[in-house]
């Protein structure tokens, strides 16, 4: 296992993770893992990922935590139908717990997986990239 540190302009340290010849930028240590381990953790390696959204269709294929005026949902956006987004692997989040912890670590207190769902964009107050596995177990 090799370790490298890169220093940028000012006082910045970058960290990078090398996984089976795949390198992630913006990280400074190099860790080599097996293909099996990579498959287990790959969904969790997107912390800090920036999503460029210029139009609603840019949401398609990505996972989000949605907050509406009355409820919260997680899910993967499959398509947009007018003012609705179709979600797969959706879950109603009855209790997100501490919000920052939910977004940062994926830890949720109370979850009701529902499968397929549609969310009305006119009821959405905000939404956040969900860089974790979508919850599939009721708790």
C-alpha atoms as a PDB file:
ATOM      1  CA  UNK A   1       0.000   0.000   0.000  1.00  0.00           C
ATOM      2  CA  UNK A   2       1.425   3.381  -0.981  1.00  0.00           C
ATOM      3  CA  UNK A   3       0.660   6.750   0.530  1.00  0.00           C
ATOM      4  CA  UNK A   4       1.024  10.041  -1.291  1.00  0.00           C
ATOM      5  CA  UNK A   5       0.240  13.601  -0.306  1.00  0.00           C
ATOM      6  CA  UNK A   6      -0.321  16.430  -2.753  1.00  0.00           C
ATOM      7  CA  UNK A   7      -0.141  20.042  -1.696  1.00  0.00           C
ATOM      8  CA  UNK A   8      -2.042  22.609  -3.737  1.00  0.00           C
ATOM      9  CA  UNK A   9      -1.977  26.378  -3.742  1.00  0.00           C
ATOM     10  CA  UNK A  10      -2.263  27.755  -0.241  1.00  0.00           C
ATOM     11  CA  UNK A  11      -2.600  25.188   2.502  1.00  0.00           C
ATOM     12  CA  UNK A  12      -4.537  22.393   0.863  1.00  0.00           C
ATOM     13  CA  UNK A  13      -3.978  18.672   1.031  1.00  0.00           C
ATOM     14  CA  UNK A  14      -5.664  16.414  -1.494  1.00  0.00           C
ATOM     15  CA  UNK A  15      -6.516  12.774  -0.938  1.00  0.00           C
ATOM     16  CA  UNK A  16      -6.919  10.181  -3.705  1.00  0.00           C
ATOM     17  CA  UNK A  17      -8.090   6.579  -3.659  1.00  0.00           C
ATOM     18  CA  UNK A  18      -6.794   4.118  -6.267  1.00  0.00           C
ATOM     19  CA  UNK A  19      -9.163   1.210  -6.710  1.00  0.00           C
ATOM     20  CA  UNK A  20      -8.253  -1.394  -9.322  1.00  0.00           C
ATOM     21  CA  UNK A  21      -6.576   1.188 -11.514  1.00  0.00           C
ATOM     22  CA  UNK A  22      -9.490   3.604 -11.026  1.00  0.00           C
ATOM     23  CA  UNK A  23      -8.364   6.831  -9.397  1.00  0.00           C
ATOM     24  CA  UNK A  24     -10.619   9.244  -7.613  1.00  0.00           C
ATOM     25  CA  UNK A  25      -9.433  12.824  -7.530  1.00  0.00           C
ATOM     26  CA  UNK A  26      -9.599  15.141  -4.476  1.00  0.00           C
ATOM     27  CA  UNK A  27      -8.330  12.630  -1.937  1.00  0.00           C
ATOM     28  CA  UNK A  28      -4.402  12.177  -0.864  1.00  0.00           C
ATOM     29  CA  UNK A  29      -3.796   8.630   0.262  1.00  0.00           C
ATOM     30  CA  UNK A  30      -3.639   5.671  -2.083  1.00  0.00           C
ATOM     31  CA  UNK A  31      -5.440   2.502  -1.032  1.00  0.00           C
ATOM     32  CA  UNK A  32      -5.528  -0.639  -3.166  1.00  0.00           C
ATOM     33  CA  UNK A  33      -8.478  -2.995  -2.617  1.00  0.00           C
ATOM     34  CA  UNK A  34      -9.695  -6.199  -4.231  1.00  0.00           C
ATOM     35  CA  UNK A  35     -12.445  -6.238  -6.871  1.00  0.00           C
ATOM     36  CA  UNK A  36     -14.775  -7.822  -4.304  1.00  0.00           C
ATOM     37  CA  UNK A  37     -14.174  -5.039  -1.777  1.00  0.00           C
ATOM     38  CA  UNK A  38     -14.546  -2.386  -4.491  1.00  0.00           C
ATOM     39  CA  UNK A  39     -17.985  -3.770  -5.422  1.00  0.00           C
ATOM     40  CA  UNK A  40     -19.052  -3.589  -1.772  1.00  0.00           C
ATOM     41  CA  UNK A  41     -17.958   0.015  -1.203  1.00  0.00           C
ATOM     42  CA  UNK A  42     -18.174   1.730  -4.600  1.00  0.00           C
ATOM     43  CA  UNK A  43     -21.555   3.378  -3.844  1.00  0.00           C
ATOM     44  CA  UNK A  44     -20.022   5.077  -0.818  1.00  0.00           C
ATOM     45  CA  UNK A  45     -17.049   6.639  -2.624  1.00  0.00           C
ATOM     46  CA  UNK A  46     -18.812   9.689  -4.021  1.00  0.00           C
ATOM     47  CA  UNK A  47     -18.652  12.012  -1.026  1.00  0.00           C
ATOM     48  CA  UNK A  48     -18.251  15.563  -2.204  1.00  0.00           C
ATOM     49  CA  UNK A  49     -19.401  14.719  -5.721  1.00  0.00           C
ATOM     50  CA  UNK A  50     -20.848  17.751  -7.443  1.00  0.00           C
ATOM     51  CA  UNK A  51     -23.866  17.278  -9.690  1.00  0.00           C
ATOM     52  CA  UNK A  52     -24.381  19.762 -12.504  1.00  0.00           C
ATOM     53  CA  UNK A  53     -28.094  20.359 -12.984  1.00  0.00           C
ATOM     54  CA  UNK A  54     -29.044  22.710 -15.813  1.00  0.00           C
ATOM     55  CA  UNK A  55     -32.510  21.222 -16.370  1.00  0.00           C
ATOM     56  CA  UNK A  56     -34.790  18.704 -14.696  1.00  0.00           C
ATOM     57  CA  UNK A  57     -33.781  15.875 -17.031  1.00  0.00           C
ATOM     58  CA  UNK A  58     -30.242  16.117 -15.596  1.00  0.00           C
ATOM     59  CA  UNK A  59     -31.647  14.431 -12.462  1.00  0.00           C
ATOM     60  CA  UNK A  60     -32.375  11.206 -14.364  1.00  0.00           C
ATOM     61  CA  UNK A  61     -30.227   8.268 -13.275  1.00  0.00           C
ATOM     62  CA  UNK A  62     -29.164   9.881 -10.006  1.00  0.00           C
ATOM     63  CA  UNK A  63     -30.193   9.207  -6.394  1.00  0.00           C
ATOM     64  CA  UNK A  64     -31.625  11.954  -4.187  1.00  0.00           C
ATOM     65  CA  UNK A  65     -33.110  12.727  -0.794  1.00  0.00           C
ATOM     66  CA  UNK A  66     -36.209  14.867  -1.488  1.00  0.00           C
ATOM     67  CA  UNK A  67     -37.946  17.089   1.035  1.00  0.00           C
ATOM     68  CA  UNK A  68     -41.469  18.130   0.146  1.00  0.00           C
ATOM     69  CA  UNK A  69     -43.878  20.343   2.039  1.00  0.00           C
ATOM     70  CA  UNK A  70     -45.246  17.311   3.930  1.00  0.00           C
ATOM     71  CA  UNK A  71     -42.817  14.354   3.658  1.00  0.00           C
ATOM     72  CA  UNK A  72     -39.329  13.118   2.730  1.00  0.00           C
ATOM     73  CA  UNK A  73     -38.362  10.507   0.120  1.00  0.00           C
ATOM     74  CA  UNK A  74     -35.206   8.857  -1.147  1.00  0.00           C
ATOM     75  CA  UNK A  75     -34.996   7.242  -4.555  1.00  0.00           C
ATOM     76  CA  UNK A  76     -33.341   7.005  -7.936  1.00  0.00           C
ATOM     77  CA  UNK A  77     -34.850   9.246 -10.612  1.00  0.00           C
ATOM     78  CA  UNK A  78     -35.895   7.127 -13.586  1.00  0.00           C
ATOM     79  CA  UNK A  79     -37.725   9.729 -15.679  1.00  0.00           C
ATOM     80  CA  UNK A  80     -39.610  13.010 -15.649  1.00  0.00           C
ATOM     81  CA  UNK A  81     -43.275  13.044 -16.601  1.00  0.00           C
ATOM     82  CA  UNK A  82     -44.398  16.660 -16.803  1.00  0.00           C
ATOM     83  CA  UNK A  83     -44.181  17.997 -13.255  1.00  0.00           C
ATOM     84  CA  UNK A  84     -43.538  14.561 -11.716  1.00  0.00           C
ATOM     85  CA  UNK A  85     -40.357  12.550 -11.214  1.00  0.00           C
ATOM     86  CA  UNK A  86     -40.657   8.771 -11.292  1.00  0.00           C
ATOM     87  CA  UNK A  87     -38.473   7.173  -8.619  1.00  0.00           C
ATOM     88  CA  UNK A  88     -37.322   3.581  -8.325  1.00  0.00           C
ATOM     89  CA  UNK A  89     -36.197   1.970  -5.056  1.00  0.00           C
ATOM     90  CA  UNK A  90     -38.030   4.785  -3.287  1.00  0.00           C
ATOM     91  CA  UNK A  91     -38.547   5.007   0.449  1.00  0.00           C
ATOM     92  CA  UNK A  92     -40.641   7.317   2.595  1.00  0.00           C
ATOM     93  CA  UNK A  93     -38.402   8.674   5.322  1.00  0.00           C
ATOM     94  CA  UNK A  94     -40.570   9.095   8.409  1.00  0.00           C
ATOM     95  CA  UNK A  95     -37.612  10.194  10.567  1.00  0.00           C
ATOM     96  CA  UNK A  96     -34.291  11.242   9.095  1.00  0.00           C
ATOM     97  CA  UNK A  97     -32.696  11.792  12.499  1.00  0.00           C
ATOM     98  CA  UNK A  98     -30.050  14.516  12.516  1.00  0.00           C
ATOM     99  CA  UNK A  99     -30.240  15.854   8.971  1.00  0.00           C
ATOM    100  CA  UNK A 100     -26.513  16.432   8.383  1.00  0.00           C
ATOM    101  CA  UNK A 101     -25.785  12.889   9.603  1.00  0.00           C
ATOM    102  CA  UNK A 102     -28.426  11.517   7.229  1.00  0.00           C
ATOM    103  CA  UNK A 103     -26.979  13.290   4.186  1.00  0.00           C
ATOM    104  CA  UNK A 104     -23.342  12.703   5.102  1.00  0.00           C
ATOM    105  CA  UNK A 105     -23.477   9.089   6.312  1.00  0.00           C
ATOM    106  CA  UNK A 106     -26.816   7.747   5.022  1.00  0.00           C
ATOM    107  CA  UNK A 107     -28.003   6.969   8.568  1.00  0.00           C
ATOM    108  CA  UNK A 108     -31.801   7.238   8.845  1.00  0.00           C
ATOM    109  CA  UNK A 109     -33.950   6.575  11.923  1.00  0.00           C
ATOM    110  CA  UNK A 110     -37.259   5.455  10.404  1.00  0.00           C
ATOM    111  CA  UNK A 111     -37.670   4.160   6.844  1.00  0.00           C
ATOM    112  CA  UNK A 112     -40.615   2.743   4.891  1.00  0.00           C
ATOM    113  CA  UNK A 113     -39.433   1.331   1.528  1.00  0.00           C
ATOM    114  CA  UNK A 114     -42.176   1.698  -1.097  1.00  0.00           C
ATOM    115  CA  UNK A 115     -40.485   0.672  -4.369  1.00  0.00           C
ATOM    116  CA  UNK A 116     -41.780   2.765  -7.250  1.00  0.00           C
ATOM    117  CA  UNK A 117     -43.055   6.274  -6.466  1.00  0.00           C
ATOM    118  CA  UNK A 118     -43.743   9.610  -8.131  1.00  0.00           C
ATOM    119  CA  UNK A 119     -42.962  12.947  -6.539  1.00  0.00           C
ATOM    120  CA  UNK A 120     -44.709  16.151  -7.596  1.00  0.00           C
ATOM    121  CA  UNK A 121     -42.030  18.754  -8.278  1.00  0.00           C
ATOM    122  CA  UNK A 122     -44.396  21.531  -7.225  1.00  0.00           C
ATOM    123  CA  UNK A 123     -44.376  20.091  -3.687  1.00  0.00           C
ATOM    124  CA  UNK A 124     -40.563  19.733  -3.479  1.00  0.00           C
ATOM    125  CA  UNK A 125     -38.929  22.316  -1.235  1.00  0.00           C
ATOM    126  CA  UNK A 126     -35.350  21.062  -1.783  1.00  0.00           C
ATOM    127  CA  UNK A 127     -33.363  17.923  -2.567  1.00  0.00           C
ATOM    128  CA  UNK A 128     -29.880  16.599  -1.975  1.00  0.00           C
ATOM    129  CA  UNK A 129     -27.638  14.094  -3.759  1.00  0.00           C
ATOM    130  CA  UNK A 130     -27.874  10.710  -2.012  1.00  0.00           C
ATOM    131  CA  UNK A 131     -24.392   9.178  -2.169  1.00  0.00           C
ATOM    132  CA  UNK A 132     -25.334   6.008  -0.300  1.00  0.00           C
ATOM    133  CA  UNK A 133     -27.163   2.786  -0.972  1.00  0.00           C
ATOM    134  CA  UNK A 134     -30.875   3.439  -1.124  1.00  0.00           C
ATOM    135  CA  UNK A 135     -32.629   2.079   1.970  1.00  0.00           C
ATOM    136  CA  UNK A 136     -34.407  -1.187   1.247  1.00  0.00           C
ATOM    137  CA  UNK A 137     -35.254  -2.427   4.733  1.00  0.00           C
ATOM    138  CA  UNK A 138     -38.059  -1.144   6.915  1.00  0.00           C
ATOM    139  CA  UNK A 139     -36.978   0.303  10.218  1.00  0.00           C
END
